[in-house]
Amino acid sequence: MIEKLKANALSLLLGGMVILAAAIMISRSGGGGGDGGDNTVDVNVPNFSVVGLEGEALFNTSCAVCHGPNAGGSDRAPPLVHTIYNPGHHADEAFFRAVLNGVRAHHWRYGNMPRLDVPREDITKIIAYVRELQQANGIATRPHNM
């Protein structure tokens, strides 16, 4: 019984340390929107590929109302042109899951993202658009370290 209590206490301590480390990383990267600070980023807009242009139109219809023009963020949702969303931390599958299932708030303080009714093939084009924006703004794949 005592060993189980020790193991639970250690798990809680380690979990708290992970949460603290994540909070520090987000604060150092300029994250933490929704706290009254600047919720948007300036975005350099590239010349998009054909798929990127299709994704832009779909993004503007389905996503921009919350994530802002050019995925630069708003007071409703974070910028997707942000290092937090680099492919090493949020792979393309994370974007699929976010759209299809919704997301509990975890990096930002905007509240939960609801699921959206967007076909998978359209999500693929939206992801291409976001990735092209990220690349044009110096956001490259970085390994995710916790």
C-alpha atoms as a PDB file:
ATOM      1  CA  MET A   1       0.000   0.000   0.000  1.00  0.00           C
ATOM      2  CA  ILE A   2       2.791   2.434   0.892  1.00  0.00           C
ATOM      3  CA  GLU A   3       4.629   1.551  -2.328  1.00  0.00           C
ATOM      4  CA  LYS A   4       1.485   2.305  -4.337  1.00  0.00           C
ATOM      5  CA  LEU A   5       1.113   5.690  -2.595  1.00  0.00           C
ATOM      6  CA  LYS A   6       4.757   6.491  -3.339  1.00  0.00           C
ATOM      7  CA  ALA A   7       4.282   5.533  -6.992  1.00  0.00           C
ATOM      8  CA  ASN A   8       1.159   7.725  -7.233  1.00  0.00           C
ATOM      9  CA  ALA A   9       2.947  10.653  -5.601  1.00  0.00           C
ATOM     10  CA  LEU A  10       5.872  10.259  -8.006  1.00  0.00           C
ATOM     11  CA  SER A  11       3.475  10.153 -10.978  1.00  0.00           C
ATOM     12  CA  LEU A  12       1.777  13.347  -9.802  1.00  0.00           C
ATOM     13  CA  LEU A  13       5.119  15.059  -9.295  1.00  0.00           C
ATOM     14  CA  LEU A  14       6.356  14.057 -12.745  1.00  0.00           C
ATOM     15  CA  GLY A  15       3.058  15.117 -14.321  1.00  0.00           C
ATOM     16  CA  GLY A  16       3.303  18.501 -12.630  1.00  0.00           C
ATOM     17  CA  MET A  17       6.857  18.924 -13.856  1.00  0.00           C
ATOM     18  CA  VAL A  18       5.773  18.166 -17.449  1.00  0.00           C
ATOM     19  CA  ILE A  19       2.962  20.716 -17.211  1.00  0.00           C
ATOM     20  CA  LEU A  20       5.310  23.319 -15.754  1.00  0.00           C
ATOM     21  CA  ALA A  21       7.902  22.687 -18.481  1.00  0.00           C
ATOM     22  CA  ALA A  22       5.216  23.018 -21.177  1.00  0.00           C
ATOM     23  CA  ALA A  23       3.988  26.296 -19.667  1.00  0.00           C
ATOM     24  CA  ILE A  24       7.531  27.682 -19.617  1.00  0.00           C
ATOM     25  CA  MET A  25       8.113  26.651 -23.237  1.00  0.00           C
ATOM     26  CA  ILE A  26       4.871  28.263 -24.362  1.00  0.00           C
ATOM     27  CA  SER A  27       5.578  31.491 -22.487  1.00  0.00           C
ATOM     28  CA  ARG A  28       9.077  31.688 -23.975  1.00  0.00           C
ATOM     29  CA  SER A  29       7.723  31.109 -27.492  1.00  0.00           C
ATOM     30  CA  GLY A  30       5.306  34.006 -27.180  1.00  0.00           C
ATOM     31  CA  GLY A  31       2.309  31.702 -26.698  1.00  0.00           C
ATOM     32  CA  GLY A  32      -0.421  31.812 -24.156  1.00  0.00           C
ATOM     33  CA  GLY A  33      -2.874  33.896 -26.162  1.00  0.00           C
ATOM     34  CA  GLY A  34      -6.231  34.744 -24.711  1.00  0.00           C
ATOM     35  CA  ASP A  35      -4.632  36.497 -21.731  1.00  0.00           C
ATOM     36  CA  GLY A  36      -5.295  39.984 -23.010  1.00  0.00           C
ATOM     37  CA  GLY A  37      -2.028  40.160 -24.946  1.00  0.00           C
ATOM     38  CA  ASP A  38      -1.494  40.183 -28.680  1.00  0.00           C
ATOM     39  CA  ASN A  39      -3.286  37.145 -30.119  1.00  0.00           C
ATOM     40  CA  THR A  40      -2.145  37.560 -33.699  1.00  0.00           C
ATOM     41  CA  VAL A  41       1.073  37.320 -35.659  1.00  0.00           C
ATOM     42  CA  ASP A  42       2.201  39.098 -38.790  1.00  0.00           C
ATOM     43  CA  VAL A  43       2.226  36.618 -41.649  1.00  0.00           C
ATOM     44  CA  ASN A  44       4.311  36.725 -44.821  1.00  0.00           C
ATOM     45  CA  VAL A  45       2.063  35.367 -47.559  1.00  0.00           C
ATOM     46  CA  PRO A  46       3.875  33.316 -50.213  1.00  0.00           C
ATOM     47  CA  ASN A  47       2.942  32.477 -53.784  1.00  0.00           C
ATOM     48  CA  PHE A  48       0.933  29.341 -53.130  1.00  0.00           C
ATOM     49  CA  SER A  49       0.978  26.078 -55.035  1.00  0.00           C
ATOM     50  CA  VAL A  50      -2.263  25.044 -56.761  1.00  0.00           C
ATOM     51  CA  VAL A  51      -3.188  22.890 -53.768  1.00  0.00           C
ATOM     52  CA  GLY A  52      -2.222  25.719 -51.401  1.00  0.00           C
ATOM     53  CA  LEU A  53      -4.558  28.104 -53.260  1.00  0.00           C
ATOM     54  CA  GLU A  54      -7.397  25.588 -52.983  1.00  0.00           C
ATOM     55  CA  GLY A  55      -6.580  25.211 -49.298  1.00  0.00           C
ATOM     56  CA  GLU A  56      -6.617  28.966 -48.830  1.00  0.00           C
ATOM     57  CA  ALA A  57     -10.187  29.201 -50.147  1.00  0.00           C
ATOM     58  CA  LEU A  58     -11.268  26.304 -47.923  1.00  0.00           C
ATOM     59  CA  PHE A  59      -9.460  27.777 -44.900  1.00  0.00           C
ATOM     60  CA  ASN A  60     -11.186  31.124 -45.461  1.00  0.00           C
ATOM     61  CA  THR A  61     -14.563  29.350 -45.502  1.00  0.00           C
ATOM     62  CA  SER A  62     -14.054  26.937 -42.598  1.00  0.00           C
ATOM     63  CA  CYS A  63     -11.236  28.182 -40.360  1.00  0.00           C
ATOM     64  CA  ALA A  64     -10.487  31.894 -40.743  1.00  0.00           C
ATOM     65  CA  VAL A  65     -13.480  32.981 -38.673  1.00  0.00           C
ATOM     66  CA  CYS A  66     -11.569  31.718 -35.622  1.00  0.00           C
ATOM     67  CA  HIS A  67      -7.912  31.357 -36.678  1.00  0.00           C
ATOM     68  CA  GLY A  68      -7.887  34.715 -38.470  1.00  0.00           C
ATOM     69  CA  PRO A  69      -6.793  35.790 -41.921  1.00  0.00           C
ATOM     70  CA  ASN A  70      -3.767  33.874 -43.196  1.00  0.00           C
ATOM     71  CA  ALA A  71      -3.925  31.682 -40.057  1.00  0.00           C
ATOM     72  CA  GLY A  72      -2.477  34.597 -38.099  1.00  0.00           C
ATOM     73  CA  GLY A  73      -4.761  34.141 -35.083  1.00  0.00           C
ATOM     74  CA  SER A  74      -7.568  36.140 -33.540  1.00  0.00           C
ATOM     75  CA  ASP A  75      -9.217  36.676 -30.192  1.00  0.00           C
ATOM     76  CA  ARG A  76     -11.099  33.382 -30.810  1.00  0.00           C
ATOM     77  CA  ALA A  77      -8.261  30.986 -31.697  1.00  0.00           C
ATOM     78  CA  PRO A  78      -4.463  30.856 -31.879  1.00  0.00           C
ATOM     79  CA  PRO A  79      -2.308  31.528 -34.911  1.00  0.00           C
ATOM     80  CA  LEU A  80      -1.459  28.378 -36.822  1.00  0.00           C
ATOM     81  CA  VAL A  81       1.571  30.217 -38.166  1.00  0.00           C
ATOM     82  CA  HIS A  82       3.378  29.559 -34.917  1.00  0.00           C
ATOM     83  CA  THR A  83       6.235  27.278 -33.957  1.00  0.00           C
ATOM     84  CA  ILE A  84       3.916  25.267 -31.669  1.00  0.00           C
ATOM     85  CA  TYR A  85       2.247  23.948 -34.822  1.00  0.00           C
ATOM     86  CA  ASN A  86       5.465  22.961 -36.616  1.00  0.00           C
ATOM     87  CA  PRO A  87       5.208  19.487 -38.182  1.00  0.00           C
ATOM     88  CA  GLY A  88       7.517  17.979 -35.560  1.00  0.00           C
ATOM     89  CA  HIS A  89       5.123  18.953 -32.771  1.00  0.00           C
ATOM     90  CA  HIS A  90       1.783  18.827 -34.591  1.00  0.00           C
ATOM     91  CA  ALA A  91       1.992  16.410 -37.489  1.00  0.00           C
ATOM     92  CA  ASP A  92      -0.590  16.629 -40.260  1.00  0.00           C
ATOM     93  CA  GLU A  93      -2.625  13.907 -38.541  1.00  0.00           C
ATOM     94  CA  ALA A  94      -3.053  16.242 -35.546  1.00  0.00           C
ATOM     95  CA  PHE A  95      -4.789  18.738 -37.835  1.00  0.00           C
ATOM     96  CA  PHE A  96      -7.058  15.994 -39.215  1.00  0.00           C
ATOM     97  CA  ARG A  97      -8.000  14.920 -35.704  1.00  0.00           C
ATOM     98  CA  ALA A  98      -8.576  18.500 -34.591  1.00  0.00           C
ATOM     99  CA  VAL A  99     -11.027  19.175 -37.399  1.00  0.00           C
ATOM    100  CA  LEU A 100     -12.784  15.802 -37.298  1.00  0.00           C
ATOM    101  CA  ASN A 101     -12.951  15.366 -33.507  1.00  0.00           C
ATOM    102  CA  GLY A 102     -12.463  18.805 -32.003  1.00  0.00           C
ATOM    103  CA  VAL A 103      -9.722  19.591 -29.482  1.00  0.00           C
ATOM    104  CA  ARG A 104      -9.647  20.237 -25.765  1.00  0.00           C
ATOM    105  CA  ALA A 105      -7.778  23.451 -24.969  1.00  0.00           C
ATOM    106  CA  HIS A 106      -4.165  22.606 -24.191  1.00  0.00           C
ATOM    107  CA  HIS A 107      -1.644  25.101 -25.643  1.00  0.00           C
ATOM    108  CA  TRP A 108      -3.752  28.243 -25.452  1.00  0.00           C
ATOM    109  CA  ARG A 109      -6.554  29.685 -23.339  1.00  0.00           C
ATOM    110  CA  TYR A 110      -9.221  30.068 -26.015  1.00  0.00           C
ATOM    111  CA  GLY A 111     -11.393  27.196 -24.902  1.00  0.00           C
ATOM    112  CA  ASN A 112     -12.137  23.987 -26.729  1.00  0.00           C
ATOM    113  CA  MET A 113     -12.240  23.738 -30.510  1.00  0.00           C
ATOM    114  CA  PRO A 114     -15.458  22.122 -31.725  1.00  0.00           C
ATOM    115  CA  ARG A 115     -15.385  19.426 -34.389  1.00  0.00           C
ATOM    116  CA  LEU A 116     -16.052  20.714 -37.887  1.00  0.00           C
ATOM    117  CA  ASP A 117     -17.875  19.084 -40.755  1.00  0.00           C
ATOM    118  CA  VAL A 118     -15.122  19.296 -43.356  1.00  0.00           C
ATOM    119  CA  PRO A 119     -14.361  16.438 -45.761  1.00  0.00           C
ATOM    120  CA  ARG A 120     -10.970  14.773 -45.306  1.00  0.00           C
ATOM    121  CA  GLU A 121      -9.853  15.736 -48.840  1.00  0.00           C
ATOM    122  CA  ASP A 122     -10.556  19.394 -48.036  1.00  0.00           C
ATOM    123  CA  ILE A 123      -8.619  19.125 -44.768  1.00  0.00           C
ATOM    124  CA  THR A 124      -5.640  17.860 -46.810  1.00  0.00           C
ATOM    125  CA  LYS A 125      -5.739  21.044 -48.891  1.00  0.00           C
ATOM    126  CA  ILE A 126      -6.136  23.251 -45.802  1.00  0.00           C
ATOM    127  CA  ILE A 127      -3.099  21.590 -44.242  1.00  0.00           C
ATOM    128  CA  ALA A 128      -1.091  22.234 -47.426  1.00  0.00           C
ATOM    129  CA  TYR A 129      -2.064  25.910 -47.205  1.00  0.00           C
ATOM    130  CA  VAL A 130      -1.086  26.166 -43.518  1.00  0.00           C
ATOM    131  CA  ARG A 131       2.222  24.349 -44.112  1.00  0.00           C
ATOM    132  CA  GLU A 132       3.067  26.682 -47.009  1.00  0.00           C
ATOM    133  CA  LEU A 133       2.328  29.687 -44.779  1.00  0.00           C
ATOM    134  CA  GLN A 134       4.474  28.206 -42.016  1.00  0.00           C
ATOM    135  CA  GLN A 135       7.377  27.550 -44.382  1.00  0.00           C
ATOM    136  CA  ALA A 136       7.187  31.097 -45.775  1.00  0.00           C
ATOM    137  CA  ASN A 137       7.404  32.360 -42.196  1.00  0.00           C
ATOM    138  CA  GLY A 138      10.429  30.315 -41.173  1.00  0.00           C
ATOM    139  CA  ILE A 139       8.562  27.616 -39.282  1.00  0.00           C
ATOM    140  CA  ALA A 140      10.367  24.362 -39.942  1.00  0.00           C
ATOM    141  CA  THR A 141      10.022  20.879 -38.553  1.00  0.00           C
ATOM    142  CA  ARG A 142      11.566  20.686 -35.112  1.00  0.00           C
ATOM    143  CA  PRO A 143      11.621  17.523 -33.051  1.00  0.00           C
ATOM    144  CA  HIS A 144       9.154  17.494 -30.190  1.00  0.00           C
ATOM    145  CA  ASN A 145      10.940  17.182 -26.843  1.00  0.00           C
ATOM    146  CA  MET A 146       9.132  16.979 -23.529  1.00  0.00           C
END
